[in-house]
Amino acid sequence: MGKVYRLALALTIIGALNWGLAGFFGFDVVAQLAGGATEPLARFIYMIIGISGLFNLGLLFDHWRYRNDVTVASPVEA
């Protein structure tokens, strides 16, 4: 996995934790740090996290594409 995909995965996890906090406790960390959810900085962070999620969709489809390529070694006959 390349560095870009690792960064995208980390940002997606951070975004998921933020939305979990927003859902459970009504606390949006990004909005708090940026001065509000509609501020340009907050919107930029939300866009970066959204793009990271799209990168991770590619990882999901790679997993589906290669899952049937697994070969099982047969036991050696004596």
PDB file of N, CA and C in Angstrom:
ATOM      1  N   MET A   1       0.863  -1.171   0.000  1.00  0.00           N
ATOM      2  CA  MET A   1       0.000   0.000   0.000  1.00  0.00           C
ATOM      3  C   MET A   1       0.910   1.235   0.000  1.00  0.00           C
ATOM      4  N   GLY A   2       0.632   2.156  -0.899  1.00  0.00           N
ATOM      5  CA  GLY A   2       1.446   3.349  -1.016  1.00  0.00           C
ATOM      6  C   GLY A   2       1.179   4.357   0.091  1.00  0.00           C
ATOM      7  N   LYS A   3       2.043   5.348   0.146  1.00  0.00           N
ATOM      8  CA  LYS A   3       1.924   6.374   1.183  1.00  0.00           C
ATOM      9  C   LYS A   3       0.633   7.181   1.040  1.00  0.00           C
ATOM     10  N   VAL A   4       0.217   7.428  -0.193  1.00  0.00           N
ATOM     11  CA  VAL A   4      -1.014   8.197  -0.404  1.00  0.00           C
ATOM     12  C   VAL A   4      -2.219   7.427   0.130  1.00  0.00           C
ATOM     13  N   TYR A   5      -2.236   6.120  -0.125  1.00  0.00           N
ATOM     14  CA  TYR A   5      -3.351   5.316   0.367  1.00  0.00           C
ATOM     15  C   TYR A   5      -3.337   5.189   1.888  1.00  0.00           C
ATOM     16  N   ARG A   6      -2.166   5.115   2.473  1.00  0.00           N
ATOM     17  CA  ARG A   6      -2.081   5.076   3.947  1.00  0.00           C
ATOM     18  C   ARG A   6      -2.578   6.385   4.554  1.00  0.00           C
ATOM     19  N   LEU A   7      -2.196   7.496   3.936  1.00  0.00           N
ATOM     20  CA  LEU A   7      -2.663   8.792   4.402  1.00  0.00           C
ATOM     21  C   LEU A   7      -4.178   8.901   4.245  1.00  0.00           C
ATOM     22  N   ALA A   8      -4.684   8.434   3.110  1.00  0.00           N
ATOM     23  CA  ALA A   8      -6.132   8.462   2.879  1.00  0.00           C
ATOM     24  C   ALA A   8      -6.864   7.604   3.904  1.00  0.00           C
ATOM     25  N   LEU A   9      -6.314   6.447   4.220  1.00  0.00           N
ATOM     26  CA  LEU A   9      -6.934   5.575   5.223  1.00  0.00           C
ATOM     27  C   LEU A   9      -6.927   6.234   6.598  1.00  0.00           C
ATOM     28  N   ALA A  10      -5.812   6.865   6.958  1.00  0.00           N
ATOM     29  CA  ALA A  10      -5.734   7.552   8.255  1.00  0.00           C
ATOM     30  C   ALA A  10      -6.740   8.694   8.325  1.00  0.00           C
ATOM     31  N   LEU A  11      -6.849   9.484   7.261  1.00  0.00           N
ATOM     32  CA  LEU A  11      -7.809  10.588   7.252  1.00  0.00           C
ATOM     33  C   LEU A  11      -9.243  10.086   7.309  1.00  0.00           C
ATOM     34  N   THR A  12      -9.519   8.988   6.644  1.00  0.00           N
ATOM     35  CA  THR A  12     -10.868   8.420   6.688  1.00  0.00           C
ATOM     36  C   THR A  12     -11.211   7.936   8.090  1.00  0.00           C
ATOM     37  N   ILE A  13     -10.255   7.322   8.758  1.00  0.00           N
ATOM     38  CA  ILE A  13     -10.493   6.875  10.138  1.00  0.00           C
ATOM     39  C   ILE A  13     -10.715   8.071  11.053  1.00  0.00           C
ATOM     40  N   ILE A  14      -9.908   9.114  10.885  1.00  0.00           N
ATOM     41  CA  ILE A  14     -10.094  10.325  11.687  1.00  0.00           C
ATOM     42  C   ILE A  14     -11.473  10.927  11.427  1.00  0.00           C
ATOM     43  N   GLY A  15     -11.874  10.966  10.154  1.00  0.00           N
ATOM     44  CA  GLY A  15     -13.201  11.475   9.811  1.00  0.00           C
ATOM     45  C   GLY A  15     -14.313  10.643  10.425  1.00  0.00           C
ATOM     46  N   ALA A  16     -14.143   9.326  10.415  1.00  0.00           N
ATOM     47  CA  ALA A  16     -15.148   8.451  11.014  1.00  0.00           C
ATOM     48  C   ALA A  16     -15.248   8.675  12.520  1.00  0.00           C
ATOM     49  N   LEU A  17     -14.108   8.855  13.167  1.00  0.00           N
ATOM     50  CA  LEU A  17     -14.134   9.139  14.608  1.00  0.00           C
ATOM     51  C   LEU A  17     -14.811  10.472  14.882  1.00  0.00           C
ATOM     52  N   ASN A  18     -14.563  11.463  14.033  1.00  0.00           N
ATOM     53  CA  ASN A  18     -15.208  12.759  14.193  1.00  0.00           C
ATOM     54  C   ASN A  18     -16.725  12.636  14.060  1.00  0.00           C
ATOM     55  N   TRP A  19     -17.188  11.903  13.047  1.00  0.00           N
ATOM     56  CA  TRP A  19     -18.629  11.731  12.871  1.00  0.00           C
ATOM     57  C   TRP A  19     -19.235  10.890  13.991  1.00  0.00           C
ATOM     58  N   GLY A  20     -18.455   9.962  14.529  1.00  0.00           N
ATOM     59  CA  GLY A  20     -18.932   9.209  15.689  1.00  0.00           C
ATOM     60  C   GLY A  20     -19.135  10.116  16.898  1.00  0.00           C
ATOM     61  N   LEU A  21     -18.177  11.010  17.129  1.00  0.00           N
ATOM     62  CA  LEU A  21     -18.327  11.979  18.217  1.00  0.00           C
ATOM     63  C   LEU A  21     -19.522  12.902  17.977  1.00  0.00           C
ATOM     64  N   ALA A  22     -19.687  13.323  16.726  1.00  0.00           N
ATOM     65  CA  ALA A  22     -20.818  14.205  16.402  1.00  0.00           C
ATOM     66  C   ALA A  22     -22.145  13.492  16.609  1.00  0.00           C
ATOM     67  N   GLY A  23     -22.193  12.220  16.245  1.00  0.00           N
ATOM     68  CA  GLY A  23     -23.436  11.467  16.389  1.00  0.00           C
ATOM     69  C   GLY A  23     -23.780  11.126  17.825  1.00  0.00           C
ATOM     70  N   PHE A  24     -22.786  10.679  18.568  1.00  0.00           N
ATOM     71  CA  PHE A  24     -23.043  10.246  19.944  1.00  0.00           C
ATOM     72  C   PHE A  24     -23.136  11.400  20.934  1.00  0.00           C
ATOM     73  N   PHE A  25     -22.277  12.394  20.758  1.00  0.00           N
ATOM     74  CA  PHE A  25     -22.168  13.446  21.769  1.00  0.00           C
ATOM     75  C   PHE A  25     -22.483  14.846  21.255  1.00  0.00           C
ATOM     76  N   GLY A  26     -22.759  14.976  19.956  1.00  0.00           N
ATOM     77  CA  GLY A  26     -23.058  16.288  19.395  1.00  0.00           C
ATOM     78  C   GLY A  26     -21.848  17.211  19.352  1.00  0.00           C
ATOM     79  N   PHE A  27     -20.647  16.633  19.298  1.00  0.00           N
ATOM     80  CA  PHE A  27     -19.422  17.421  19.297  1.00  0.00           C
ATOM     81  C   PHE A  27     -18.650  17.167  18.018  1.00  0.00           C
ATOM     82  N   ASP A  28     -18.522  18.172  17.165  1.00  0.00           N
ATOM     83  CA  ASP A  28     -17.812  18.070  15.899  1.00  0.00           C
ATOM     84  C   ASP A  28     -16.432  18.707  16.073  1.00  0.00           C
ATOM     85  N   VAL A  29     -15.397  17.877  16.103  1.00  0.00           N
ATOM     86  CA  VAL A  29     -14.041  18.354  16.359  1.00  0.00           C
ATOM     87  C   VAL A  29     -13.579  19.302  15.255  1.00  0.00           C
ATOM     88  N   VAL A  30     -13.855  18.964  13.998  1.00  0.00           N
ATOM     89  CA  VAL A  30     -13.418  19.806  12.878  1.00  0.00           C
ATOM     90  C   VAL A  30     -14.071  21.183  12.968  1.00  0.00           C
ATOM     91  N   ALA A  31     -15.361  21.218  13.214  1.00  0.00           N
ATOM     92  CA  ALA A  31     -16.061  22.506  13.331  1.00  0.00           C
ATOM     93  C   ALA A  31     -15.534  23.303  14.516  1.00  0.00           C
ATOM     94  N   GLN A  32     -15.222  22.631  15.604  1.00  0.00           N
ATOM     95  CA  GLN A  32     -14.703  23.309  16.783  1.00  0.00           C
ATOM     96  C   GLN A  32     -13.346  23.939  16.498  1.00  0.00           C
ATOM     97  N   LEU A  33     -12.474  23.193  15.804  1.00  0.00           N
ATOM     98  CA  LEU A  33     -11.137  23.703  15.508  1.00  0.00           C
ATOM     99  C   LEU A  33     -11.160  24.808  14.458  1.00  0.00           C
ATOM    100  N   ALA A  34     -12.118  24.753  13.536  1.00  0.00           N
ATOM    101  CA  ALA A  34     -12.153  25.718  12.427  1.00  0.00           C
ATOM    102  C   ALA A  34     -13.042  26.914  12.722  1.00  0.00           C
ATOM    103  N   GLY A  35     -13.748  26.911  13.821  1.00  0.00           N
ATOM    104  CA  GLY A  35     -14.608  28.046  14.159  1.00  0.00           C
ATOM    105  C   GLY A  35     -16.018  27.927  13.626  1.00  0.00           C
ATOM    106  N   GLY A  36     -16.412  26.743  13.212  1.00  0.00           N
ATOM    107  CA  GLY A  36     -17.763  26.509  12.710  1.00  0.00           C
ATOM    108  C   GLY A  36     -17.735  25.588  11.506  1.00  0.00           C
ATOM    109  N   ALA A  37     -18.821  24.850  11.312  1.00  0.00           N
ATOM    110  CA  ALA A  37     -18.866  23.862  10.238  1.00  0.00           C
ATOM    111  C   ALA A  37     -18.933  24.499   8.861  1.00  0.00           C
ATOM    112  N   THR A  38     -19.372  25.744   8.765  1.00  0.00           N
ATOM    113  CA  THR A  38     -19.501  26.394   7.463  1.00  0.00           C
ATOM    114  C   THR A  38     -18.295  27.252   7.098  1.00  0.00           C
ATOM    115  N   GLU A  39     -17.313  27.314   7.964  1.00  0.00           N
ATOM    116  CA  GLU A  39     -16.100  28.091   7.682  1.00  0.00           C
ATOM    117  C   GLU A  39     -15.309  27.417   6.555  1.00  0.00           C
ATOM    118  N   PRO A  40     -14.599  28.201   5.753  1.00  0.00           N
ATOM    119  CA  PRO A  40     -13.839  27.625   4.637  1.00  0.00           C
ATOM    120  C   PRO A  40     -12.829  26.558   5.063  1.00  0.00           C
ATOM    121  N   LEU A  41     -12.169  26.749   6.190  1.00  0.00           N
ATOM    122  CA  LEU A  41     -11.202  25.750   6.657  1.00  0.00           C
ATOM    123  C   LEU A  41     -11.903  24.425   6.970  1.00  0.00           C
ATOM    124  N   ALA A  42     -13.026  24.494   7.656  1.00  0.00           N
ATOM    125  CA  ALA A  42     -13.769  23.277   7.980  1.00  0.00           C
ATOM    126  C   ALA A  42     -14.249  22.588   6.709  1.00  0.00           C
ATOM    127  N   ARG A  43     -14.757  23.356   5.763  1.00  0.00           N
ATOM    128  CA  ARG A  43     -15.221  22.773   4.507  1.00  0.00           C
ATOM    129  C   ARG A  43     -14.071  22.122   3.758  1.00  0.00           C
ATOM    130  N   PHE A  44     -12.889  22.732   3.788  1.00  0.00           N
ATOM    131  CA  PHE A  44     -11.708  22.152   3.150  1.00  0.00           C
ATOM    132  C   PHE A  44     -11.349  20.819   3.796  1.00  0.00           C
ATOM    133  N   ILE A  45     -11.358  20.777   5.127  1.00  0.00           N
ATOM    134  CA  ILE A  45     -11.049  19.527   5.842  1.00  0.00           C
ATOM    135  C   ILE A  45     -12.071  18.455   5.502  1.00  0.00           C
ATOM    136  N   TYR A  46     -13.356  18.819   5.464  1.00  0.00           N
ATOM    137  CA  TYR A  46     -14.393  17.852   5.103  1.00  0.00           C
ATOM    138  C   TYR A  46     -14.178  17.330   3.682  1.00  0.00           C
ATOM    139  N   MET A  47     -13.768  18.208   2.757  1.00  0.00           N
ATOM    140  CA  MET A  47     -13.521  17.779   1.377  1.00  0.00           C
ATOM    141  C   MET A  47     -12.339  16.820   1.303  1.00  0.00           C
ATOM    142  N   ILE A  48     -11.266  17.114   2.035  1.00  0.00           N
ATOM    143  CA  ILE A  48     -10.091  16.232   2.037  1.00  0.00           C
ATOM    144  C   ILE A  48     -10.460  14.865   2.594  1.00  0.00           C
ATOM    145  N   ILE A  49     -11.246  14.825   3.654  1.00  0.00           N
ATOM    146  CA  ILE A  49     -11.667  13.544   4.228  1.00  0.00           C
ATOM    147  C   ILE A  49     -12.580  12.801   3.259  1.00  0.00           C
ATOM    148  N   GLY A  50     -13.449  13.517   2.554  1.00  0.00           N
ATOM    149  CA  GLY A  50     -14.315  12.886   1.557  1.00  0.00           C
ATOM    150  C   GLY A  50     -13.513  12.294   0.410  1.00  0.00           C
ATOM    151  N   ILE A  51     -12.512  13.000  -0.076  1.00  0.00           N
ATOM    152  CA  ILE A  51     -11.650  12.478  -1.140  1.00  0.00           C
ATOM    153  C   ILE A  51     -10.883  11.260  -0.646  1.00  0.00           C
ATOM    154  N   SER A  52     -10.481  11.283   0.615  1.00  0.00           N
ATOM    155  CA  SER A  52      -9.800  10.128   1.197  1.00  0.00           C
ATOM    156  C   SER A  52     -10.714   8.911   1.206  1.00  0.00           C
ATOM    157  N   GLY A  53     -11.973   9.127   1.491  1.00  0.00           N
ATOM    158  CA  GLY A  53     -12.933   8.029   1.449  1.00  0.00           C
ATOM    159  C   GLY A  53     -13.054   7.443   0.052  1.00  0.00           C
ATOM    160  N   LEU A  54     -13.006   8.292  -0.970  1.00  0.00           N
ATOM    161  CA  LEU A  54     -13.056   7.798  -2.350  1.00  0.00           C
ATOM    162  C   LEU A  54     -11.816   6.969  -2.684  1.00  0.00           C
ATOM    163  N   PHE A  55     -10.653   7.374  -2.186  1.00  0.00           N
ATOM    164  CA  PHE A  55      -9.447   6.573  -2.372  1.00  0.00           C
ATOM    165  C   PHE A  55      -9.621   5.197  -1.742  1.00  0.00           C
ATOM    166  N   ASN A  56     -10.248   5.153  -0.578  1.00  0.00           N
ATOM    167  CA  ASN A  56     -10.430   3.882   0.112  1.00  0.00           C
ATOM    168  C   ASN A  56     -11.429   2.982  -0.601  1.00  0.00           C
ATOM    169  N   LEU A  57     -12.349   3.546  -1.351  1.00  0.00           N
ATOM    170  CA  LEU A  57     -13.220   2.713  -2.175  1.00  0.00           C
ATOM    171  C   LEU A  57     -12.390   1.909  -3.165  1.00  0.00           C
ATOM    172  N   GLY A  58     -11.342   2.519  -3.686  1.00  0.00           N
ATOM    173  CA  GLY A  58     -10.442   1.794  -4.566  1.00  0.00           C
ATOM    174  C   GLY A  58      -9.801   0.607  -3.880  1.00  0.00           C
ATOM    175  N   LEU A  59      -9.431   0.758  -2.620  1.00  0.00           N
ATOM    176  CA  LEU A  59      -8.865  -0.363  -1.864  1.00  0.00           C
ATOM    177  C   LEU A  59      -9.886  -1.480  -1.696  1.00  0.00           C
ATOM    178  N   LEU A  60     -11.128  -1.132  -1.464  1.00  0.00           N
ATOM    179  CA  LEU A  60     -12.183  -2.128  -1.309  1.00  0.00           C
ATOM    180  C   LEU A  60     -12.362  -2.918  -2.600  1.00  0.00           C
ATOM    181  N   PHE A  61     -12.393  -2.230  -3.728  1.00  0.00           N
ATOM    182  CA  PHE A  61     -12.582  -2.922  -4.989  1.00  0.00           C
ATOM    183  C   PHE A  61     -11.358  -3.753  -5.362  1.00  0.00           C
ATOM    184  N   ASP A  62     -10.157  -3.334  -4.977  1.00  0.00           N
ATOM    185  CA  ASP A  62      -8.971  -4.159  -5.198  1.00  0.00           C
ATOM    186  C   ASP A  62      -9.094  -5.473  -4.440  1.00  0.00           C
ATOM    187  N   HIS A  63      -9.598  -5.401  -3.226  1.00  0.00           N
ATOM    188  CA  HIS A  63      -9.784  -6.621  -2.437  1.00  0.00           C
ATOM    189  C   HIS A  63     -10.759  -7.555  -3.148  1.00  0.00           C
ATOM    190  N   TRP A  64     -11.859  -7.030  -3.660  1.00  0.00           N
ATOM    191  CA  TRP A  64     -12.836  -7.865  -4.361  1.00  0.00           C
ATOM    192  C   TRP A  64     -12.249  -8.438  -5.646  1.00  0.00           C
ATOM    193  N   ARG A  65     -11.423  -7.672  -6.324  1.00  0.00           N
ATOM    194  CA  ARG A  65     -10.863  -8.121  -7.595  1.00  0.00           C
ATOM    195  C   ARG A  65      -9.899  -9.280  -7.382  1.00  0.00           C
ATOM    196  N   TYR A  66      -9.112  -9.242  -6.318  1.00  0.00           N
ATOM    197  CA  TYR A  66      -8.075 -10.245  -6.119  1.00  0.00           C
ATOM    198  C   TYR A  66      -8.485 -11.382  -5.200  1.00  0.00           C
ATOM    199  N   ARG A  67      -9.680 -11.398  -4.672  1.00  0.00           N
ATOM    200  CA  ARG A  67     -10.031 -12.455  -3.721  1.00  0.00           C
ATOM    201  C   ARG A  67     -10.188 -13.806  -4.397  1.00  0.00           C
ATOM    202  N   ASN A  68     -10.505 -13.852  -5.685  1.00  0.00           N
ATOM    203  CA  ASN A  68     -10.636 -15.118  -6.387  1.00  0.00           C
ATOM    204  C   ASN A  68      -9.317 -15.600  -6.979  1.00  0.00           C
ATOM    205  N   ASP A  69      -8.258 -14.824  -6.850  1.00  0.00           N
ATOM    206  CA  ASP A  69      -6.956 -15.208  -7.384  1.00  0.00           C
ATOM    207  C   ASP A  69      -6.147 -16.066  -6.415  1.00  0.00           C
ATOM    208  N   VAL A  70      -6.704 -16.369  -5.258  1.00  0.00           N
ATOM    209  CA  VAL A  70      -5.981 -17.159  -4.260  1.00  0.00           C
ATOM    210  C   VAL A  70      -5.967 -18.612  -4.704  1.00  0.00           C
ATOM    211  N   THR A  71      -4.795 -19.206  -4.717  1.00  0.00           N
ATOM    212  CA  THR A  71      -4.689 -20.619  -5.082  1.00  0.00           C
ATOM    213  C   THR A  71      -4.375 -21.426  -3.840  1.00  0.00           C
ATOM    214  N   VAL A  72      -4.921 -22.603  -3.799  1.00  0.00           N
ATOM    215  CA  VAL A  72      -4.699 -23.508  -2.682  1.00  0.00           C
ATOM    216  C   VAL A  72      -3.765 -24.596  -3.136  1.00  0.00           C
ATOM    217  N   ALA A  73      -2.683 -24.763  -2.426  1.00  0.00           N
ATOM    218  CA  ALA A  73      -1.715 -25.800  -2.773  1.00  0.00           C
ATOM    219  C   ALA A  73      -2.275 -27.163  -2.386  1.00  0.00           C
ATOM    220  N   SER A  74      -2.170 -28.096  -3.300  1.00  0.00           N
ATOM    221  CA  SER A  74      -2.644 -29.438  -2.987  1.00  0.00           C
ATOM    222  C   SER A  74      -1.565 -30.187  -2.216  1.00  0.00           C
ATOM    223  N   PRO A  75      -1.967 -31.113  -1.354  1.00  0.00           N
ATOM    224  CA  PRO A  75      -0.973 -31.863  -0.592  1.00  0.00           C
ATOM    225  C   PRO A  75      -0.142 -32.746  -1.526  1.00  0.00           C
ATOM    226  N   VAL A  76       1.091 -32.931  -1.170  1.00  0.00           N
ATOM    227  CA  VAL A  76       1.988 -33.744  -1.961  1.00  0.00           C
ATOM    228  C   VAL A  76       1.633 -35.195  -1.729  1.00  0.00           C
ATOM    229  N   GLU A  77       1.444 -35.922  -2.832  1.00  0.00           N
ATOM    230  CA  GLU A  77       1.096 -37.344  -2.692  1.00  0.00           C
ATOM    231  C   GLU A  77       2.350 -38.151  -2.452  1.00  0.00           C
ATOM    232  N   ALA A  78       2.250 -39.129  -1.556  1.00  0.00           N
ATOM    233  CA  ALA A  78       3.414 -39.961  -1.226  1.00  0.00           C
ATOM    234  C   ALA A  78       3.404 -41.230  -2.007  1.00  0.00           C
TER     235      ALA A  78
END
